[in-house]
Amino acid sequence: MTKTVEAIYENGKLLLSQPLSLPEKSHVRVTIESGDTERDAWLKISEESLSKTWDNADDDVFNELLLK
């Protein structure tokens, strides 16, 4: 089962924004996503660049040829 829950890191502990219905001593895996603004900026630039490359009218011509 995968569930995403918001949390705040405070005094060395993760404080969940909502309770979880898990049995005591359950093993869980935690993924940390930090607000890395430089990374986010690069991802946005990359996405814009890829959109320009992949979403263009010229590709429609090739798609039509593939259907023939």
PDB file of N, CA and C in Angstrom:
ATOM      1  N   MET A   1       0.842  -1.175   0.000  1.00  0.00           N
ATOM      2  CA  MET A   1       0.000   0.000   0.000  1.00  0.00           C
ATOM      3  C   MET A   1       0.887   1.238   0.000  1.00  0.00           C
ATOM      4  N   THR A   2       0.518   2.229  -0.790  1.00  0.00           N
ATOM      5  CA  THR A   2       1.237   3.501  -0.821  1.00  0.00           C
ATOM      6  C   THR A   2       0.291   4.606  -0.414  1.00  0.00           C
ATOM      7  N   LYS A   3       0.744   5.432   0.502  1.00  0.00           N
ATOM      8  CA  LYS A   3      -0.060   6.567   0.957  1.00  0.00           C
ATOM      9  C   LYS A   3       0.889   7.733   1.183  1.00  0.00           C
ATOM     10  N   THR A   4       0.501   8.912   0.720  1.00  0.00           N
ATOM     11  CA  THR A   4       1.307  10.106   0.914  1.00  0.00           C
ATOM     12  C   THR A   4       0.674  10.946   2.007  1.00  0.00           C
ATOM     13  N   VAL A   5       1.485  11.338   2.989  1.00  0.00           N
ATOM     14  CA  VAL A   5       1.009  12.145   4.111  1.00  0.00           C
ATOM     15  C   VAL A   5       1.982  13.298   4.315  1.00  0.00           C
ATOM     16  N   GLU A   6       1.458  14.484   4.510  1.00  0.00           N
ATOM     17  CA  GLU A   6       2.299  15.646   4.797  1.00  0.00           C
ATOM     18  C   GLU A   6       2.836  15.538   6.229  1.00  0.00           C
ATOM     19  N   ALA A   7       4.043  16.053   6.433  1.00  0.00           N
ATOM     20  CA  ALA A   7       4.642  16.058   7.768  1.00  0.00           C
ATOM     21  C   ALA A   7       5.562  17.264   7.902  1.00  0.00           C
ATOM     22  N   ILE A   8       5.862  17.594   9.134  1.00  0.00           N
ATOM     23  CA  ILE A   8       6.798  18.681   9.447  1.00  0.00           C
ATOM     24  C   ILE A   8       7.917  18.078  10.286  1.00  0.00           C
ATOM     25  N   TYR A   9       9.148  18.425   9.974  1.00  0.00           N
ATOM     26  CA  TYR A   9      10.293  17.954  10.736  1.00  0.00           C
ATOM     27  C   TYR A   9      10.556  18.955  11.852  1.00  0.00           C
ATOM     28  N   GLU A  10      10.491  18.494  13.091  1.00  0.00           N
ATOM     29  CA  GLU A  10      10.654  19.392  14.232  1.00  0.00           C
ATOM     30  C   GLU A  10      11.347  18.658  15.366  1.00  0.00           C
ATOM     31  N   ASN A  11      12.413  19.229  15.884  1.00  0.00           N
ATOM     32  CA  ASN A  11      13.158  18.645  17.008  1.00  0.00           C
ATOM     33  C   ASN A  11      13.555  17.191  16.761  1.00  0.00           C
ATOM     34  N   GLY A  12      13.994  16.916  15.528  1.00  0.00           N
ATOM     35  CA  GLY A  12      14.486  15.580  15.208  1.00  0.00           C
ATOM     36  C   GLY A  12      13.413  14.540  14.949  1.00  0.00           C
ATOM     37  N   LYS A  13      12.144  14.966  14.863  1.00  0.00           N
ATOM     38  CA  LYS A  13      11.061  14.017  14.630  1.00  0.00           C
ATOM     39  C   LYS A  13      10.173  14.516  13.504  1.00  0.00           C
ATOM     40  N   LEU A  14       9.545  13.569  12.813  1.00  0.00           N
ATOM     41  CA  LEU A  14       8.554  13.914  11.803  1.00  0.00           C
ATOM     42  C   LEU A  14       7.184  13.940  12.466  1.00  0.00           C
ATOM     43  N   LEU A  15       6.514  15.074  12.385  1.00  0.00           N
ATOM     44  CA  LEU A  15       5.175  15.216  12.942  1.00  0.00           C
ATOM     45  C   LEU A  15       4.179  15.155  11.794  1.00  0.00           C
ATOM     46  N   LEU A  16       3.369  14.112  11.767  1.00  0.00           N
ATOM     47  CA  LEU A  16       2.410  13.912  10.682  1.00  0.00           C
ATOM     48  C   LEU A  16       1.241  14.876  10.820  1.00  0.00           C
ATOM     49  N   SER A  17       0.714  15.315   9.680  1.00  0.00           N
ATOM     50  CA  SER A  17      -0.415  16.235   9.690  1.00  0.00           C
ATOM     51  C   SER A  17      -1.731  15.520   9.965  1.00  0.00           C
ATOM     52  N   GLN A  18      -1.731  14.185   9.872  1.00  0.00           N
ATOM     53  CA  GLN A  18      -2.926  13.398  10.151  1.00  0.00           C
ATOM     54  C   GLN A  18      -2.509  12.049  10.712  1.00  0.00           C
ATOM     55  N   PRO A  19      -3.335  11.457  11.539  1.00  0.00           N
ATOM     56  CA  PRO A  19      -2.976  10.144  12.095  1.00  0.00           C
ATOM     57  C   PRO A  19      -3.047   9.054  11.031  1.00  0.00           C
ATOM     58  N   LEU A  20      -2.264   8.022  11.243  1.00  0.00           N
ATOM     59  CA  LEU A  20      -2.275   6.863  10.339  1.00  0.00           C
ATOM     60  C   LEU A  20      -2.862   5.667  11.079  1.00  0.00           C
ATOM     61  N   SER A  21      -3.636   4.899  10.375  1.00  0.00           N
ATOM     62  CA  SER A  21      -4.201   3.694  10.992  1.00  0.00           C
ATOM     63  C   SER A  21      -3.301   2.497  10.677  1.00  0.00           C
ATOM     64  N   LEU A  22      -2.173   2.471  11.361  1.00  0.00           N
ATOM     65  CA  LEU A  22      -1.204   1.386  11.198  1.00  0.00           C
ATOM     66  C   LEU A  22      -1.022   0.673  12.534  1.00  0.00           C
ATOM     67  N   PRO A  23      -0.736  -0.608  12.484  1.00  0.00           N
ATOM     68  CA  PRO A  23      -0.441  -1.310  13.738  1.00  0.00           C
ATOM     69  C   PRO A  23       0.858  -0.780  14.346  1.00  0.00           C
ATOM     70  N   GLU A  24       0.946  -0.832  15.657  1.00  0.00           N
ATOM     71  CA  GLU A  24       2.168  -0.420  16.347  1.00  0.00           C
ATOM     72  C   GLU A  24       3.373  -1.194  15.814  1.00  0.00           C
ATOM     73  N   LYS A  25       4.486  -0.529  15.759  1.00  0.00           N
ATOM     74  CA  LYS A  25       5.772  -1.105  15.314  1.00  0.00           C
ATOM     75  C   LYS A  25       5.773  -1.428  13.817  1.00  0.00           C
ATOM     76  N   SER A  26       4.836  -0.863  13.054  1.00  0.00           N
ATOM     77  CA  SER A  26       4.827  -1.079  11.601  1.00  0.00           C
ATOM     78  C   SER A  26       6.077  -0.479  10.984  1.00  0.00           C
ATOM     79  N   HIS A  27       6.633  -1.173  10.028  1.00  0.00           N
ATOM     80  CA  HIS A  27       7.776  -0.654   9.287  1.00  0.00           C
ATOM     81  C   HIS A  27       7.240   0.154   8.111  1.00  0.00           C
ATOM     82  N   VAL A  28       7.780   1.342   7.920  1.00  0.00           N
ATOM     83  CA  VAL A  28       7.366   2.206   6.819  1.00  0.00           C
ATOM     84  C   VAL A  28       8.610   2.724   6.117  1.00  0.00           C
ATOM     85  N   ARG A  29       8.437   3.222   4.906  1.00  0.00           N
ATOM     86  CA  ARG A  29       9.522   3.843   4.151  1.00  0.00           C
ATOM     87  C   ARG A  29       9.170   5.307   3.975  1.00  0.00           C
ATOM     88  N   VAL A  30      10.106   6.182   4.279  1.00  0.00           N
ATOM     89  CA  VAL A  30       9.872   7.622   4.203  1.00  0.00           C
ATOM     90  C   VAL A  30      10.693   8.195   3.058  1.00  0.00           C
ATOM     91  N   THR A  31      10.056   8.978   2.208  1.00  0.00           N
ATOM     92  CA  THR A  31      10.731   9.678   1.118  1.00  0.00           C
ATOM     93  C   THR A  31      10.698  11.161   1.429  1.00  0.00           C
ATOM     94  N   ILE A  32      11.853  11.797   1.422  1.00  0.00           N
ATOM     95  CA  ILE A  32      11.947  13.213   1.747  1.00  0.00           C
ATOM     96  C   ILE A  32      11.980  14.026   0.461  1.00  0.00           C
ATOM     97  N   GLU A  33      11.048  14.960   0.324  1.00  0.00           N
ATOM     98  CA  GLU A  33      11.030  15.898  -0.789  1.00  0.00           C
ATOM     99  C   GLU A  33      11.217  17.289  -0.218  1.00  0.00           C
ATOM    100  N   SER A  34      12.367  17.865  -0.472  1.00  0.00           N
ATOM    101  CA  SER A  34      12.607  19.209   0.045  1.00  0.00           C
ATOM    102  C   SER A  34      12.249  20.236  -1.018  1.00  0.00           C
ATOM    103  N   GLY A  35      12.032  21.451  -0.603  1.00  0.00           N
ATOM    104  CA  GLY A  35      11.701  22.528  -1.530  1.00  0.00           C
ATOM    105  C   GLY A  35      12.964  23.103  -2.146  1.00  0.00           C
ATOM    106  N   ASP A  36      13.589  22.344  -3.023  1.00  0.00           N
ATOM    107  CA  ASP A  36      14.825  22.757  -3.689  1.00  0.00           C
ATOM    108  C   ASP A  36      14.463  23.671  -4.857  1.00  0.00           C
ATOM    109  N   THR A  37      14.535  24.975  -4.649  1.00  0.00           N
ATOM    110  CA  THR A  37      14.087  25.921  -5.674  1.00  0.00           C
ATOM    111  C   THR A  37      14.943  25.877  -6.929  1.00  0.00           C
ATOM    112  N   GLU A  38      16.242  25.650  -6.794  1.00  0.00           N
ATOM    113  CA  GLU A  38      17.093  25.564  -7.985  1.00  0.00           C
ATOM    114  C   GLU A  38      16.720  24.349  -8.826  1.00  0.00           C
ATOM    115  N   ARG A  39      16.500  23.214  -8.175  1.00  0.00           N
ATOM    116  CA  ARG A  39      16.095  21.990  -8.884  1.00  0.00           C
ATOM    117  C   ARG A  39      14.743  22.207  -9.552  1.00  0.00           C
ATOM    118  N   ASP A  40      13.822  22.807  -8.816  1.00  0.00           N
ATOM    119  CA  ASP A  40      12.496  23.061  -9.380  1.00  0.00           C
ATOM    120  C   ASP A  40      12.582  23.961 -10.612  1.00  0.00           C
ATOM    121  N   ALA A  41      13.463  24.963 -10.570  1.00  0.00           N
ATOM    122  CA  ALA A  41      13.635  25.865 -11.718  1.00  0.00           C
ATOM    123  C   ALA A  41      14.171  25.096 -12.925  1.00  0.00           C
ATOM    124  N   TRP A  42      15.168  24.226 -12.709  1.00  0.00           N
ATOM    125  CA  TRP A  42      15.721  23.431 -13.813  1.00  0.00           C
ATOM    126  C   TRP A  42      14.676  22.493 -14.396  1.00  0.00           C
ATOM    127  N   LEU A  43      13.866  21.891 -13.524  1.00  0.00           N
ATOM    128  CA  LEU A  43      12.820  21.000 -14.015  1.00  0.00           C
ATOM    129  C   LEU A  43      11.807  21.758 -14.865  1.00  0.00           C
ATOM    130  N   LYS A  44      11.460  22.964 -14.451  1.00  0.00           N
ATOM    131  CA  LYS A  44      10.508  23.768 -15.214  1.00  0.00           C
ATOM    132  C   LYS A  44      11.084  24.128 -16.582  1.00  0.00           C
ATOM    133  N   ILE A  45      12.350  24.557 -16.609  1.00  0.00           N
ATOM    134  CA  ILE A  45      13.003  24.911 -17.872  1.00  0.00           C
ATOM    135  C   ILE A  45      13.073  23.680 -18.787  1.00  0.00           C
ATOM    136  N   SER A  46      13.425  22.533 -18.217  1.00  0.00           N
ATOM    137  CA  SER A  46      13.517  21.301 -18.997  1.00  0.00           C
ATOM    138  C   SER A  46      12.163  20.921 -19.581  1.00  0.00           C
ATOM    139  N   GLU A  47      11.120  21.032 -18.761  1.00  0.00           N
ATOM    140  CA  GLU A  47       9.781  20.685 -19.229  1.00  0.00           C
ATOM    141  C   GLU A  47       9.343  21.599 -20.368  1.00  0.00           C
ATOM    142  N   GLU A  48       9.615  22.898 -20.243  1.00  0.00           N
ATOM    143  CA  GLU A  48       9.263  23.842 -21.302  1.00  0.00           C
ATOM    144  C   GLU A  48      10.008  23.514 -22.590  1.00  0.00           C
ATOM    145  N   SER A  49      11.285  23.194 -22.467  1.00  0.00           N
ATOM    146  CA  SER A  49      12.102  22.871 -23.631  1.00  0.00           C
ATOM    147  C   SER A  49      11.598  21.595 -24.316  1.00  0.00           C
ATOM    148  N   LEU A  50      11.302  20.572 -23.514  1.00  0.00           N
ATOM    149  CA  LEU A  50      10.800  19.321 -24.084  1.00  0.00           C
ATOM    150  C   LEU A  50       9.436  19.506 -24.731  1.00  0.00           C
ATOM    151  N   SER A  51       8.598  20.334 -24.140  1.00  0.00           N
ATOM    152  CA  SER A  51       7.280  20.592 -24.723  1.00  0.00           C
ATOM    153  C   SER A  51       7.410  21.227 -26.095  1.00  0.00           C
ATOM    154  N   LYS A  52       8.350  22.158 -26.236  1.00  0.00           N
ATOM    155  CA  LYS A  52       8.563  22.801 -27.534  1.00  0.00           C
ATOM    156  C   LYS A  52       9.047  21.782 -28.565  1.00  0.00           C
ATOM    157  N   THR A  53       9.876  20.855 -28.119  1.00  0.00           N
ATOM    158  CA  THR A  53      10.425  19.858 -29.027  1.00  0.00           C
ATOM    159  C   THR A  53       9.370  18.848 -29.444  1.00  0.00           C
ATOM    160  N   TRP A  54       8.574  18.374 -28.500  1.00  0.00           N
ATOM    161  CA  TRP A  54       7.645  17.290 -28.785  1.00  0.00           C
ATOM    162  C   TRP A  54       6.271  17.759 -29.254  1.00  0.00           C
ATOM    163  N   ASP A  55       5.822  18.931 -28.816  1.00  0.00           N
ATOM    164  CA  ASP A  55       4.502  19.437 -29.213  1.00  0.00           C
ATOM    165  C   ASP A  55       4.665  20.470 -30.321  1.00  0.00           C
ATOM    166  N   ASN A  56       4.694  19.989 -31.557  1.00  0.00           N
ATOM    167  CA  ASN A  56       4.805  20.923 -32.676  1.00  0.00           C
ATOM    168  C   ASN A  56       4.052  20.367 -33.880  1.00  0.00           C
ATOM    169  N   ALA A  57       3.709  21.257 -34.773  1.00  0.00           N
ATOM    170  CA  ALA A  57       2.900  20.873 -35.943  1.00  0.00           C
ATOM    171  C   ALA A  57       3.635  19.903 -36.863  1.00  0.00           C
ATOM    172  N   ASP A  58       4.950  19.989 -36.917  1.00  0.00           N
ATOM    173  CA  ASP A  58       5.722  19.094 -37.793  1.00  0.00           C
ATOM    174  C   ASP A  58       5.518  17.627 -37.410  1.00  0.00           C
ATOM    175  N   ASP A  59       5.392  17.362 -36.136  1.00  0.00           N
ATOM    176  CA  ASP A  59       5.173  15.982 -35.701  1.00  0.00           C
ATOM    177  C   ASP A  59       3.842  15.439 -36.194  1.00  0.00           C
ATOM    178  N   ASP A  60       2.856  16.299 -36.370  1.00  0.00           N
ATOM    179  CA  ASP A  60       1.562  15.847 -36.869  1.00  0.00           C
ATOM    180  C   ASP A  60       1.695  15.233 -38.251  1.00  0.00           C
ATOM    181  N   VAL A  61       2.584  15.777 -39.076  1.00  0.00           N
ATOM    182  CA  VAL A  61       2.810  15.236 -40.415  1.00  0.00           C
ATOM    183  C   VAL A  61       3.345  13.813 -40.315  1.00  0.00           C
ATOM    184  N   PHE A  62       4.304  13.585 -39.426  1.00  0.00           N
ATOM    185  CA  PHE A  62       4.873  12.254 -39.272  1.00  0.00           C
ATOM    186  C   PHE A  62       3.841  11.274 -38.689  1.00  0.00           C
ATOM    187  N   ASN A  63       3.011  11.755 -37.772  1.00  0.00           N
ATOM    188  CA  ASN A  63       1.976  10.896 -37.218  1.00  0.00           C
ATOM    189  C   ASN A  63       0.983  10.462 -38.290  1.00  0.00           C
ATOM    190  N   GLU A  64       0.644  11.348 -39.191  1.00  0.00           N
ATOM    191  CA  GLU A  64      -0.257  10.998 -40.297  1.00  0.00           C
ATOM    192  C   GLU A  64       0.379   9.947 -41.207  1.00  0.00           C
ATOM    193  N   LEU A  65       1.680  10.082 -41.454  1.00  0.00           N
ATOM    194  CA  LEU A  65       2.362   9.100 -42.295  1.00  0.00           C
ATOM    195  C   LEU A  65       2.380   7.727 -41.637  1.00  0.00           C
ATOM    196  N   LEU A  66       2.516   7.702 -40.332  1.00  0.00           N
ATOM    197  CA  LEU A  66       2.539   6.436 -39.626  1.00  0.00           C
ATOM    198  C   LEU A  66       1.188   5.714 -39.705  1.00  0.00           C
ATOM    199  N   LEU A  67       0.125   6.486 -39.837  1.00  0.00           N
ATOM    200  CA  LEU A  67      -1.209   5.878 -39.903  1.00  0.00           C
ATOM    201  C   LEU A  67      -1.492   5.256 -41.264  1.00  0.00           C
ATOM    202  N   LYS A  68      -0.728   5.605 -42.278  1.00  0.00           N
ATOM    203  CA  LYS A  68      -0.967   5.095 -43.640  1.00  0.00           C
ATOM    204  C   LYS A  68      -0.396   3.716 -43.828  1.00  0.00           C
TER     205      LYS A  68
END
